[in-house]
Each structure stands twice: as C-alpha cells, then as structure tokens.
Amino acid sequence: MSDTMTNTYPYTLELLAPSAPGGLYHWAIRKNGKLVQRSDRNHPTESKARENGLAQIEKLLSGAGDR
C-alpha cells in the first residue's frame, strides 16, 4: 500500500504511489495505525505529495486541525 513512510510522532505519513505509470500520488496520515486524514487532491510527484502531507501534519501538531 505504501512505498515510503515518514514518521512524525505521533503521526505517520504514508505516501501512496500511483497504481499505473504516470499516475498521481496521494498520502494518508495515521495516528497509532488509525487513519486520521487523507489527501483531498492528487499530486503529480512523490515529493509534492510528501510536502503537502508534512504540511498537514504540522497543522495537526500545532493544533490547527483540532477544529
């Protein structure tokens, strides 16, 4: 399911590779193995997906996601 995982305690960023060549990347954020949030848009590259996912984790860590 994931090619790359980046841990940002207590969250884990899971990058989801495209199923077909030239496809789009997605990400999922998990806390203790449970899904917290998924990407709401497609990302053309793995680095863009990682950048966007890490930005969302930063929001969660700062409390901006507790609304």
N, C-alpha and C. Protein backbone atom coordinates (compact mmCIF):
# COMPACT_ATOMS: atom_id res chain seq x y z
N MET A 1 0.82 -1.20 0.00
CA MET A 1 0.00 0.00 0.00
C MET A 1 0.86 1.25 0.00
N SER A 2 1.98 1.25 0.68
CA SER A 2 2.81 2.45 0.69
C SER A 2 4.23 2.12 0.28
N ASP A 3 4.85 3.04 -0.43
CA ASP A 3 6.24 2.88 -0.80
C ASP A 3 7.14 3.53 0.22
N THR A 4 6.71 4.64 0.76
CA THR A 4 7.54 5.43 1.66
C THR A 4 6.72 5.83 2.87
N MET A 5 7.35 5.71 4.04
CA MET A 5 6.67 6.15 5.25
C MET A 5 7.62 7.09 6.00
N THR A 6 7.10 8.18 6.46
CA THR A 6 7.86 9.16 7.22
C THR A 6 7.16 9.31 8.57
N ASN A 7 7.89 9.10 9.66
CA ASN A 7 7.29 9.22 10.98
C ASN A 7 7.49 10.63 11.53
N THR A 8 6.43 11.20 12.01
CA THR A 8 6.43 12.48 12.70
C THR A 8 5.54 12.28 13.91
N TYR A 9 6.16 11.87 15.00
CA TYR A 9 5.43 11.45 16.19
C TYR A 9 4.41 12.47 16.61
N PRO A 10 3.21 12.10 16.93
CA PRO A 10 2.63 10.76 16.97
C PRO A 10 1.99 10.34 15.64
N TYR A 11 2.26 11.08 14.58
CA TYR A 11 1.64 10.81 13.29
C TYR A 11 2.61 10.11 12.35
N THR A 12 2.05 9.35 11.41
CA THR A 12 2.82 8.69 10.37
C THR A 12 2.28 9.15 9.03
N LEU A 13 3.18 9.61 8.17
CA LEU A 13 2.79 9.99 6.81
C LEU A 13 3.04 8.81 5.90
N GLU A 14 2.01 8.40 5.21
CA GLU A 14 2.08 7.27 4.30
C GLU A 14 1.87 7.79 2.89
N LEU A 15 2.87 7.62 2.03
CA LEU A 15 2.75 8.05 0.64
C LEU A 15 2.24 6.89 -0.20
N LEU A 16 1.20 7.15 -0.96
CA LEU A 16 0.57 6.12 -1.77
C LEU A 16 0.93 6.35 -3.23
N ALA A 17 1.65 5.40 -3.79
CA ALA A 17 2.11 5.51 -5.17
C ALA A 17 0.95 5.27 -6.14
N PRO A 18 1.08 5.82 -7.34
CA PRO A 18 0.04 5.59 -8.34
C PRO A 18 0.00 4.12 -8.75
N SER A 19 -1.16 3.64 -9.10
CA SER A 19 -1.30 2.24 -9.50
C SER A 19 -0.86 2.01 -10.95
N ALA A 20 -0.80 3.08 -11.73
CA ALA A 20 -0.37 2.97 -13.12
C ALA A 20 0.76 3.96 -13.38
N PRO A 21 1.67 3.63 -14.28
CA PRO A 21 2.74 4.57 -14.63
C PRO A 21 2.17 5.92 -15.07
N GLY A 22 2.76 6.98 -14.58
CA GLY A 22 2.29 8.32 -14.93
C GLY A 22 1.09 8.76 -14.12
N GLY A 23 0.68 7.94 -13.15
CA GLY A 23 -0.47 8.28 -12.32
C GLY A 23 -0.12 9.31 -11.27
N LEU A 24 -1.05 9.56 -10.38
CA LEU A 24 -0.90 10.61 -9.37
C LEU A 24 -0.71 10.00 -7.98
N TYR A 25 0.02 10.73 -7.14
CA TYR A 25 0.31 10.29 -5.77
C TYR A 25 -0.72 10.84 -4.79
N HIS A 26 -0.91 10.11 -3.71
CA HIS A 26 -1.79 10.52 -2.61
C HIS A 26 -1.03 10.28 -1.33
N TRP A 27 -1.56 10.77 -0.22
CA TRP A 27 -0.98 10.49 1.08
C TRP A 27 -2.08 10.21 2.08
N ALA A 28 -1.67 9.58 3.19
CA ALA A 28 -2.57 9.32 4.30
C ALA A 28 -1.80 9.59 5.58
N ILE A 29 -2.47 10.19 6.55
CA ILE A 29 -1.86 10.44 7.86
C ILE A 29 -2.53 9.50 8.85
N ARG A 30 -1.71 8.78 9.61
CA ARG A 30 -2.20 7.83 10.60
C ARG A 30 -1.66 8.19 11.98
N LYS A 31 -2.45 7.87 12.98
CA LYS A 31 -2.05 8.04 14.38
C LYS A 31 -2.35 6.73 15.07
N ASN A 32 -1.30 6.09 15.59
CA ASN A 32 -1.44 4.76 16.20
C ASN A 32 -2.08 3.77 15.22
N GLY A 33 -1.74 3.88 13.95
CA GLY A 33 -2.25 2.97 12.94
C GLY A 33 -3.63 3.29 12.40
N LYS A 34 -4.31 4.24 13.02
CA LYS A 34 -5.66 4.59 12.57
C LYS A 34 -5.62 5.80 11.65
N LEU A 35 -6.39 5.73 10.58
CA LEU A 35 -6.44 6.82 9.62
C LEU A 35 -6.99 8.09 10.27
N VAL A 36 -6.24 9.19 10.10
CA VAL A 36 -6.66 10.48 10.63
C VAL A 36 -7.12 11.38 9.49
N GLN A 37 -6.37 11.35 8.38
CA GLN A 37 -6.68 12.25 7.27
C GLN A 37 -6.08 11.69 5.99
N ARG A 38 -6.75 11.93 4.86
CA ARG A 38 -6.25 11.57 3.53
C ARG A 38 -6.12 12.82 2.69
N SER A 39 -5.28 12.72 1.67
CA SER A 39 -5.15 13.86 0.76
C SER A 39 -6.47 14.08 0.03
N ASP A 40 -6.81 15.33 -0.13
CA ASP A 40 -8.04 15.67 -0.82
C ASP A 40 -7.79 16.04 -2.27
N ARG A 41 -6.55 15.96 -2.68
CA ARG A 41 -6.21 16.25 -4.07
C ARG A 41 -5.12 15.30 -4.53
N ASN A 42 -4.96 15.22 -5.84
CA ASN A 42 -3.93 14.38 -6.44
C ASN A 42 -2.65 15.19 -6.57
N HIS A 43 -1.51 14.51 -6.47
CA HIS A 43 -0.22 15.18 -6.57
C HIS A 43 0.58 14.54 -7.69
N PRO A 44 1.18 15.35 -8.57
CA PRO A 44 1.87 14.81 -9.74
C PRO A 44 3.16 14.07 -9.42
N THR A 45 3.80 14.41 -8.29
CA THR A 45 5.06 13.75 -7.93
C THR A 45 5.04 13.32 -6.47
N GLU A 46 5.92 12.39 -6.14
CA GLU A 46 6.05 11.92 -4.76
C GLU A 46 6.49 13.06 -3.84
N SER A 47 7.40 13.89 -4.32
CA SER A 47 7.89 14.99 -3.48
C SER A 47 6.78 16.01 -3.17
N LYS A 48 5.91 16.27 -4.14
CA LYS A 48 4.79 17.18 -3.89
C LYS A 48 3.82 16.58 -2.88
N ALA A 49 3.57 15.29 -2.99
CA ALA A 49 2.68 14.61 -2.05
C ALA A 49 3.28 14.65 -0.65
N ARG A 50 4.59 14.39 -0.54
CA ARG A 50 5.27 14.41 0.75
C ARG A 50 5.21 15.82 1.36
N GLU A 51 5.49 16.82 0.56
CA GLU A 51 5.47 18.21 1.03
C GLU A 51 4.09 18.59 1.57
N ASN A 52 3.06 18.25 0.83
CA ASN A 52 1.70 18.58 1.25
C ASN A 52 1.30 17.80 2.50
N GLY A 53 1.65 16.52 2.56
CA GLY A 53 1.33 15.70 3.73
C GLY A 53 2.03 16.19 4.98
N LEU A 54 3.30 16.55 4.86
CA LEU A 54 4.04 17.06 6.01
C LEU A 54 3.48 18.40 6.49
N ALA A 55 3.01 19.22 5.56
CA ALA A 55 2.39 20.50 5.93
C ALA A 55 1.11 20.23 6.74
N GLN A 56 0.36 19.20 6.36
CA GLN A 56 -0.86 18.86 7.10
C GLN A 56 -0.52 18.33 8.49
N ILE A 57 0.55 17.57 8.60
CA ILE A 57 0.98 17.08 9.92
C ILE A 57 1.39 18.25 10.79
N GLU A 58 2.09 19.22 10.23
CA GLU A 58 2.47 20.41 11.00
C GLU A 58 1.23 21.13 11.53
N LYS A 59 0.19 21.21 10.72
CA LYS A 59 -1.06 21.83 11.18
C LYS A 59 -1.67 21.03 12.33
N LEU A 60 -1.65 19.71 12.21
CA LEU A 60 -2.19 18.87 13.28
C LEU A 60 -1.39 19.02 14.57
N LEU A 61 -0.08 19.09 14.44
CA LEU A 61 0.79 19.24 15.62
C LEU A 61 0.63 20.60 16.29
N SER A 62 0.32 21.62 15.50
CA SER A 62 0.18 22.96 16.06
C SER A 62 -1.22 23.19 16.63
N GLY A 63 -2.12 22.22 16.41
CA GLY A 63 -3.48 22.36 16.93
C GLY A 63 -4.44 22.97 15.95
N ALA A 64 -3.97 23.33 14.76
CA ALA A 64 -4.85 23.94 13.76
C ALA A 64 -5.86 22.93 13.22
N GLY A 65 -5.60 21.64 13.38
CA GLY A 65 -6.52 20.62 12.89
C GLY A 65 -7.54 20.19 13.92
N ASP A 66 -7.56 20.84 15.09
CA ASP A 66 -8.47 20.44 16.18
C ASP A 66 -9.79 21.20 16.17
N ARG A 67 -10.23 21.64 15.04
CA ARG A 67 -11.47 22.43 14.98
C ARG A 67 -12.66 21.56 14.86
